Every structure is written in C-alpha cells, then in structure tokens.
Amino acid sequence: ARLTAIEVDKKLGTDTASEVERTEISRTDKNLLDPVSLGSLIVGIASLAWTIGVDLRDRIKDKQSVQNKLTEKIVDELLELPKLDDAIKRELVRIVVEKAIEELFKQ
C-alpha cells in the first residue's frame, strides 16, 4: 500500500503516502481509507486484474489494449467507493493494473 501510495503521489502531486502513514484506523467519512483497507483494496484490484487479464490476454494479444480495457473496467467498478477521490482511484487502478499486466505478459 505504501509503495502504491508513493507512486500515486508522484503522478498526481498528492500526499497520499503521508496520509496513509498518519491515518488512524477510523470509519468516518472525513478520513482516508486506513492502511489495512487500502492494502486490501490494492490486493483486490490486483486479483481482479489478474483474473480478467488472463481472459483478455487469450483473446487480445496486444498488451496495451489489454491494459487499457482492464483499467477501464476496474475503474468503473471502483467509482462507487465513496472514500477516495476519483483521480486517486483511477491512478491507483492504473498503477496496479499496469504491474499485473507486466507480470501476466511475462508468462
């Protein structure tokens, strides 16, 4: 979660990594996701990306096309999450999907 937050910060100029470190585990709407929830979200995105990516890879041989379709699909699913800003959600998904697709196409 920390590494992904750092990469999101680099791309968006945010301070998510510091917030992840400082945020106490709390369930109020005013706080960002706690580190455990953020980590679970990243693992969930990676798992979903891998599952859908395997199917797409078998049908679409172009790595970039698979990555774009997969990112779009997962972002659509995550837009319902209320605690994260849409730009952060999109960048988080993009980074995790990119890493999953890199590994998937190595096989």
C-alpha atoms as a PDB file:
ATOM      1  CA  ALA A   1       0.000   0.000   0.000  1.00  0.00           C
ATOM      2  CA  ARG A   2       2.828   2.362   0.872  1.00  0.00           C
ATOM      3  CA  LEU A   3       4.634   1.866  -2.471  1.00  0.00           C
ATOM      4  CA  THR A   4       1.460   2.344  -4.478  1.00  0.00           C
ATOM      5  CA  ALA A   5       0.594   5.469  -2.473  1.00  0.00           C
ATOM      6  CA  ILE A   6       4.068   6.858  -3.200  1.00  0.00           C
ATOM      7  CA  GLU A   7       3.632   6.210  -6.927  1.00  0.00           C
ATOM      8  CA  VAL A   8       0.167   7.829  -6.873  1.00  0.00           C
ATOM      9  CA  ASP A   9       1.709  10.850  -5.137  1.00  0.00           C
ATOM     10  CA  LYS A  10       4.391  11.171  -7.826  1.00  0.00           C
ATOM     11  CA  LYS A  11       1.801  11.133 -10.617  1.00  0.00           C
ATOM     12  CA  LEU A  12      -0.856  13.347  -9.022  1.00  0.00           C
ATOM     13  CA  GLY A  13       1.220  15.579  -6.762  1.00  0.00           C
ATOM     14  CA  THR A  14      -0.776  14.456  -3.736  1.00  0.00           C
ATOM     15  CA  ASP A  15       0.361  13.443  -0.264  1.00  0.00           C
ATOM     16  CA  THR A  16      -1.470  10.129  -0.029  1.00  0.00           C
ATOM     17  CA  ALA A  17       1.562   8.245   1.318  1.00  0.00           C
ATOM     18  CA  SER A  18       1.857  10.576   4.312  1.00  0.00           C
ATOM     19  CA  GLU A  19      -1.865  10.356   4.914  1.00  0.00           C
ATOM     20  CA  VAL A  20      -1.720   6.555   4.784  1.00  0.00           C
ATOM     21  CA  GLU A  21       1.006   6.637   7.415  1.00  0.00           C
ATOM     22  CA  ARG A  22      -0.778   9.171   9.634  1.00  0.00           C
ATOM     23  CA  THR A  23      -4.326   7.961   9.335  1.00  0.00           C
ATOM     24  CA  GLU A  24      -5.609   6.106  12.341  1.00  0.00           C
ATOM     25  CA  ILE A  25      -7.949   3.217  11.698  1.00  0.00           C
ATOM     26  CA  SER A  26     -11.239   5.056  11.696  1.00  0.00           C
ATOM     27  CA  ARG A  27     -14.505   4.778   9.809  1.00  0.00           C
ATOM     28  CA  THR A  28     -15.554   8.408   9.496  1.00  0.00           C
ATOM     29  CA  ASP A  29     -16.209   9.946   6.094  1.00  0.00           C
ATOM     30  CA  LYS A  30     -13.635  12.655   6.793  1.00  0.00           C
ATOM     31  CA  ASN A  31     -10.683  10.234   6.828  1.00  0.00           C
ATOM     32  CA  LEU A  32      -8.925   8.465   4.003  1.00  0.00           C
ATOM     33  CA  LEU A  33      -9.046   4.695   3.978  1.00  0.00           C
ATOM     34  CA  ASP A  34      -6.968   3.225   6.745  1.00  0.00           C
ATOM     35  CA  PRO A  35      -3.749   1.442   5.677  1.00  0.00           C
ATOM     36  CA  VAL A  36      -5.264  -2.023   6.120  1.00  0.00           C
ATOM     37  CA  SER A  37      -8.268  -1.151   3.946  1.00  0.00           C
ATOM     38  CA  LEU A  38      -6.041   0.458   1.321  1.00  0.00           C
ATOM     39  CA  GLY A  39      -3.825  -2.633   1.264  1.00  0.00           C
ATOM     40  CA  SER A  40      -6.888  -4.851   0.903  1.00  0.00           C
ATOM     41  CA  LEU A  41      -8.145  -2.665  -1.933  1.00  0.00           C
ATOM     42  CA  ILE A  42      -4.808  -2.981  -3.762  1.00  0.00           C
ATOM     43  CA  VAL A  43      -4.790  -6.767  -3.337  1.00  0.00           C
ATOM     44  CA  GLY A  44      -8.399  -6.916  -4.565  1.00  0.00           C
ATOM     45  CA  ILE A  45      -7.584  -4.823  -7.632  1.00  0.00           C
ATOM     46  CA  ALA A  46      -4.544  -6.985  -8.410  1.00  0.00           C
ATOM     47  CA  SER A  47      -6.553 -10.190  -8.045  1.00  0.00           C
ATOM     48  CA  LEU A  48      -9.369  -8.906 -10.251  1.00  0.00           C
ATOM     49  CA  ALA A  49      -6.858  -7.576 -12.791  1.00  0.00           C
ATOM     50  CA  TRP A  50      -5.145 -10.953 -12.971  1.00  0.00           C
ATOM     51  CA  THR A  51      -8.392 -12.914 -13.350  1.00  0.00           C
ATOM     52  CA  ILE A  52      -9.855 -10.696 -16.060  1.00  0.00           C
ATOM     53  CA  GLY A  53      -6.427 -10.121 -17.628  1.00  0.00           C
ATOM     54  CA  VAL A  54      -5.853 -13.831 -18.262  1.00  0.00           C
ATOM     55  CA  ASP A  55      -9.086 -13.992 -20.242  1.00  0.00           C
ATOM     56  CA  LEU A  56      -8.345 -10.804 -22.162  1.00  0.00           C
ATOM     57  CA  ARG A  57      -4.762 -11.868 -22.900  1.00  0.00           C
ATOM     58  CA  ASP A  58      -6.035 -15.071 -24.515  1.00  0.00           C
ATOM     59  CA  ARG A  59      -8.374 -13.070 -26.781  1.00  0.00           C
ATOM     60  CA  ILE A  60      -6.371  -9.873 -27.326  1.00  0.00           C
ATOM     61  CA  LYS A  61      -2.649 -10.262 -27.897  1.00  0.00           C
ATOM     62  CA  ASP A  62      -1.763  -6.554 -27.640  1.00  0.00           C
ATOM     63  CA  LYS A  63      -0.519  -5.789 -24.110  1.00  0.00           C
ATOM     64  CA  GLN A  64      -1.527  -2.093 -24.204  1.00  0.00           C
ATOM     65  CA  SER A  65      -5.070  -2.905 -25.367  1.00  0.00           C
ATOM     66  CA  VAL A  66      -5.479  -5.437 -22.554  1.00  0.00           C
ATOM     67  CA  GLN A  67      -4.168  -2.938 -20.015  1.00  0.00           C
ATOM     68  CA  ASN A  68      -6.477  -0.155 -21.249  1.00  0.00           C
ATOM     69  CA  LYS A  69      -9.601  -2.346 -21.289  1.00  0.00           C
ATOM     70  CA  LEU A  70      -8.799  -3.778 -17.880  1.00  0.00           C
ATOM     71  CA  THR A  71      -8.116  -0.381 -16.302  1.00  0.00           C
ATOM     72  CA  GLU A  72     -11.376   0.991 -17.694  1.00  0.00           C
ATOM     73  CA  LYS A  73     -13.379  -1.990 -16.393  1.00  0.00           C
ATOM     74  CA  ILE A  74     -11.931  -1.859 -12.876  1.00  0.00           C
ATOM     75  CA  VAL A  75     -12.203   1.939 -12.583  1.00  0.00           C
ATOM     76  CA  ASP A  76     -15.882   1.662 -13.491  1.00  0.00           C
ATOM     77  CA  GLU A  77     -16.340  -0.840 -10.661  1.00  0.00           C
ATOM     78  CA  LEU A  78     -14.466   1.305  -8.122  1.00  0.00           C
ATOM     79  CA  LEU A  79     -16.217   4.589  -8.848  1.00  0.00           C
ATOM     80  CA  GLU A  80     -18.825   3.511  -6.328  1.00  0.00           C
ATOM     81  CA  LEU A  81     -16.293   3.670  -3.456  1.00  0.00           C
ATOM     82  CA  PRO A  82     -17.056   6.873  -1.546  1.00  0.00           C
ATOM     83  CA  LYS A  83     -13.855   7.376   0.455  1.00  0.00           C
ATOM     84  CA  LEU A  84     -11.370   8.011  -2.337  1.00  0.00           C
ATOM     85  CA  ASP A  85     -11.215  10.869  -4.811  1.00  0.00           C
ATOM     86  CA  ASP A  86     -11.929   9.717  -8.399  1.00  0.00           C
ATOM     87  CA  ALA A  87      -8.483  10.835  -9.640  1.00  0.00           C
ATOM     88  CA  ILE A  88      -6.798   8.809  -6.906  1.00  0.00           C
ATOM     89  CA  LYS A  89      -8.975   5.776  -7.710  1.00  0.00           C
ATOM     90  CA  ARG A  90      -8.095   5.989 -11.401  1.00  0.00           C
ATOM     91  CA  GLU A  91      -4.368   6.334 -10.733  1.00  0.00           C
ATOM     92  CA  LEU A  92      -4.383   3.551  -8.137  1.00  0.00           C
ATOM     93  CA  VAL A  93      -6.116   1.203 -10.559  1.00  0.00           C
ATOM     94  CA  ARG A  94      -3.838   2.227 -13.432  1.00  0.00           C
ATOM     95  CA  ILE A  95      -0.690   1.502 -11.429  1.00  0.00           C
ATOM     96  CA  VAL A  96      -1.877  -1.846 -10.055  1.00  0.00           C
ATOM     97  CA  VAL A  97      -3.234  -2.999 -13.428  1.00  0.00           C
ATOM     98  CA  GLU A  98      -0.002  -1.975 -15.142  1.00  0.00           C
ATOM     99  CA  LYS A  99       2.027  -4.114 -12.724  1.00  0.00           C
ATOM    100  CA  ALA A 100      -0.363  -7.070 -13.060  1.00  0.00           C
ATOM    101  CA  ILE A 101      -0.297  -6.915 -16.867  1.00  0.00           C
ATOM    102  CA  GLU A 102       3.512  -6.733 -16.904  1.00  0.00           C
ATOM    103  CA  GLU A 103       3.636  -9.978 -14.929  1.00  0.00           C
ATOM    104  CA  LEU A 104       0.835 -11.578 -16.928  1.00  0.00           C
ATOM    105  CA  PHE A 105       2.553 -10.973 -20.259  1.00  0.00           C
ATOM    106  CA  LYS A 106       5.849 -12.401 -18.941  1.00  0.00           C
ATOM    107  CA  GLN A 107       4.197 -15.823 -18.867  1.00  0.00           C
END
